[in-house]
C-alpha atoms as a PDB file:
ATOM      1  CA  UNK A   1      96.308 -64.940 -54.696  1.00  0.00           C
ATOM      2  CA  UNK A   2      95.464 -62.531 -51.865  1.00  0.00           C
ATOM      3  CA  UNK A   3      94.957 -65.465 -49.516  1.00  0.00           C
ATOM      4  CA  UNK A   4      98.458 -66.721 -50.311  1.00  0.00           C
ATOM      5  CA  UNK A   5      99.891 -63.282 -49.503  1.00  0.00           C
ATOM      6  CA  UNK A   6      98.011 -63.156 -46.197  1.00  0.00           C
ATOM      7  CA  UNK A   7      99.149 -66.645 -45.188  1.00  0.00           C
ATOM      8  CA  UNK A   8     102.749 -65.873 -46.150  1.00  0.00           C
ATOM      9  CA  UNK A   9     102.668 -62.656 -44.125  1.00  0.00           C
ATOM     10  CA  UNK A  10     101.256 -64.554 -41.132  1.00  0.00           C
ATOM     11  CA  UNK A  11     103.988 -67.154 -41.439  1.00  0.00           C
ATOM     12  CA  UNK A  12     106.731 -64.536 -41.638  1.00  0.00           C
ATOM     13  CA  UNK A  13     105.476 -62.705 -38.542  1.00  0.00           C
ATOM     14  CA  UNK A  14     104.314 -65.796 -36.662  1.00  0.00           C
ATOM     15  CA  UNK A  15     106.851 -65.339 -33.876  1.00  0.00           C
ATOM     16  CA  UNK A  16     105.717 -61.769 -33.267  1.00  0.00           C
ATOM     17  CA  UNK A  17     102.061 -62.777 -33.177  1.00  0.00           C
ATOM     18  CA  UNK A  18     102.838 -65.605 -30.766  1.00  0.00           C
ATOM     19  CA  UNK A  19     104.866 -63.322 -28.507  1.00  0.00           C
ATOM     20  CA  UNK A  20     102.014 -60.810 -28.485  1.00  0.00           C
ATOM     21  CA  UNK A  21      99.516 -63.477 -27.480  1.00  0.00           C
ATOM     22  CA  UNK A  22     101.807 -64.725 -24.719  1.00  0.00           C
ATOM     23  CA  UNK A  23     102.365 -61.189 -23.399  1.00  0.00           C
ATOM     24  CA  UNK A  24      98.599 -60.585 -23.268  1.00  0.00           C
ATOM     25  CA  UNK A  25      98.151 -63.882 -21.425  1.00  0.00           C
ATOM     26  CA  UNK A  26     100.903 -62.893 -18.985  1.00  0.00           C
ATOM     27  CA  UNK A  27      99.355 -59.496 -18.315  1.00  0.00           C
ATOM     28  CA  UNK A  28      95.980 -61.110 -17.762  1.00  0.00           C
ATOM     29  CA  UNK A  29      97.577 -63.634 -15.377  1.00  0.00           C
ATOM     30  CA  UNK A  30      99.233 -60.768 -13.480  1.00  0.00           C
ATOM     31  CA  UNK A  31      95.898 -58.995 -13.074  1.00  0.00           C
ATOM     32  CA  UNK A  32      94.159 -62.205 -12.051  1.00  0.00           C
ATOM     33  CA  UNK A  33      96.837 -62.849  -9.432  1.00  0.00           C
ATOM     34  CA  UNK A  34      95.302 -60.098  -7.304  1.00  0.00           C
ATOM     35  CA  UNK A  35      91.673 -60.867  -8.101  1.00  0.00           C
ATOM     36  CA  UNK A  36      91.465 -64.661  -8.210  1.00  0.00           C
ATOM     37  CA  UNK A  37      94.827 -66.436  -7.719  1.00  0.00           C
ATOM     38  CA  UNK A  38      93.776 -69.872  -9.027  1.00  0.00           C
ATOM     39  CA  UNK A  39      93.000 -68.246 -12.378  1.00  0.00           C
ATOM     40  CA  UNK A  40      96.572 -66.973 -12.658  1.00  0.00           C
ATOM     41  CA  UNK A  41      97.827 -70.511 -12.143  1.00  0.00           C
ATOM     42  CA  UNK A  42      95.455 -71.669 -14.876  1.00  0.00           C
ATOM     43  CA  UNK A  43      96.889 -68.954 -17.134  1.00  0.00           C
ATOM     44  CA  UNK A  44     100.366 -70.423 -16.684  1.00  0.00           C
ATOM     45  CA  UNK A  45      99.113 -73.734 -18.011  1.00  0.00           C
ATOM     46  CA  UNK A  46      97.229 -71.942 -20.775  1.00  0.00           C
ATOM     47  CA  UNK A  47     100.526 -70.338 -21.821  1.00  0.00           C
ATOM     48  CA  UNK A  48     102.192 -73.753 -21.984  1.00  0.00           C
ATOM     49  CA  UNK A  49      99.313 -75.116 -24.041  1.00  0.00           C
ATOM     50  CA  UNK A  50      99.596 -72.087 -26.328  1.00  0.00           C
ATOM     51  CA  UNK A  51     103.267 -72.851 -26.942  1.00  0.00           C
ATOM     52  CA  UNK A  52     102.504 -76.489 -27.716  1.00  0.00           C
ATOM     53  CA  UNK A  53      99.661 -75.592 -30.080  1.00  0.00           C
ATOM     54  CA  UNK A  54     101.806 -72.988 -31.828  1.00  0.00           C
ATOM     55  CA  UNK A  55     104.031 -75.743 -33.178  1.00  0.00           C
ATOM     56  CA  UNK A  56     101.012 -77.461 -34.723  1.00  0.00           C
ATOM     57  CA  UNK A  57      99.630 -74.173 -36.085  1.00  0.00           C
ATOM     58  CA  UNK A  58     103.013 -73.300 -37.628  1.00  0.00           C
ATOM     59  CA  UNK A  59     103.150 -76.658 -39.432  1.00  0.00           C
ATOM     60  CA  UNK A  60      99.546 -76.353 -40.652  1.00  0.00           C
ATOM     61  CA  UNK A  61     100.252 -72.833 -41.894  1.00  0.00           C
ATOM     62  CA  UNK A  62     103.217 -74.104 -43.927  1.00  0.00           C
ATOM     63  CA  UNK A  63     101.148 -76.938 -45.360  1.00  0.00           C
ATOM     64  CA  UNK A  64      98.321 -74.552 -46.285  1.00  0.00           C
ATOM     65  CA  UNK A  65     100.765 -72.254 -48.084  1.00  0.00           C
ATOM     66  CA  UNK A  66     102.269 -75.157 -50.047  1.00  0.00           C
ATOM     67  CA  UNK A  67      98.839 -76.559 -50.993  1.00  0.00           C
ATOM     68  CA  UNK A  68      97.536 -73.141 -52.025  1.00  0.00           C
ATOM     69  CA  UNK A  69     100.666 -72.363 -54.049  1.00  0.00           C
ATOM     70  CA  UNK A  70     100.365 -75.713 -55.816  1.00  0.00           C
ATOM     71  CA  UNK A  71      96.652 -75.103 -56.522  1.00  0.00           C
ATOM     72  CA  UNK A  72      97.390 -71.640 -57.927  1.00  0.00           C
ATOM     73  CA  UNK A  73     100.377 -73.032 -59.858  1.00  0.00           C
ATOM     74  CA  UNK A  74     102.784 -70.463 -58.468  1.00  0.00           C
ATOM     75  CA  UNK A  75     106.128 -70.843 -56.769  1.00  0.00           C
ATOM     76  CA  UNK A  76     106.024 -71.217 -53.006  1.00  0.00           C
ATOM     77  CA  UNK A  77     106.921 -67.788 -51.635  1.00  0.00           C
ATOM     78  CA  UNK A  78     110.092 -67.602 -49.579  1.00  0.00           C
ATOM     79  CA  UNK A  79     110.584 -65.509 -46.477  1.00  0.00           C
ATOM     80  CA  UNK A  80     111.794 -61.957 -47.044  1.00  0.00           C
ATOM     81  CA  UNK A  81     114.966 -62.642 -45.086  1.00  0.00           C
ATOM     82  CA  UNK A  82     115.787 -65.637 -47.315  1.00  0.00           C
ATOM     83  CA  UNK A  83     115.161 -63.821 -50.590  1.00  0.00           C
ATOM     84  CA  UNK A  84     118.343 -62.832 -52.441  1.00  0.00           C
ATOM     85  CA  UNK A  85     119.031 -59.134 -52.636  1.00  0.00           C
ATOM     86  CA  UNK A  86     118.616 -57.745 -56.144  1.00  0.00           C
END
């Protein structure tokens, strides 16, 4: 059950995690621009690859949550923003 909570929390904050990773990559590319310019160009392409892979990771995360919820025989948790206010 704890794994389902962790995966759901990751899915809810996935955009924030992705933005954090991209900001770190951008800062590293900025630093590398002064030390070794070809590396900063490589970081641009790494950022594009990160965006492409994030789509795949997001889908796999949703599938893992559904499979785990089905295995635990619980309802698939909804996002906090979609939950009705009580």
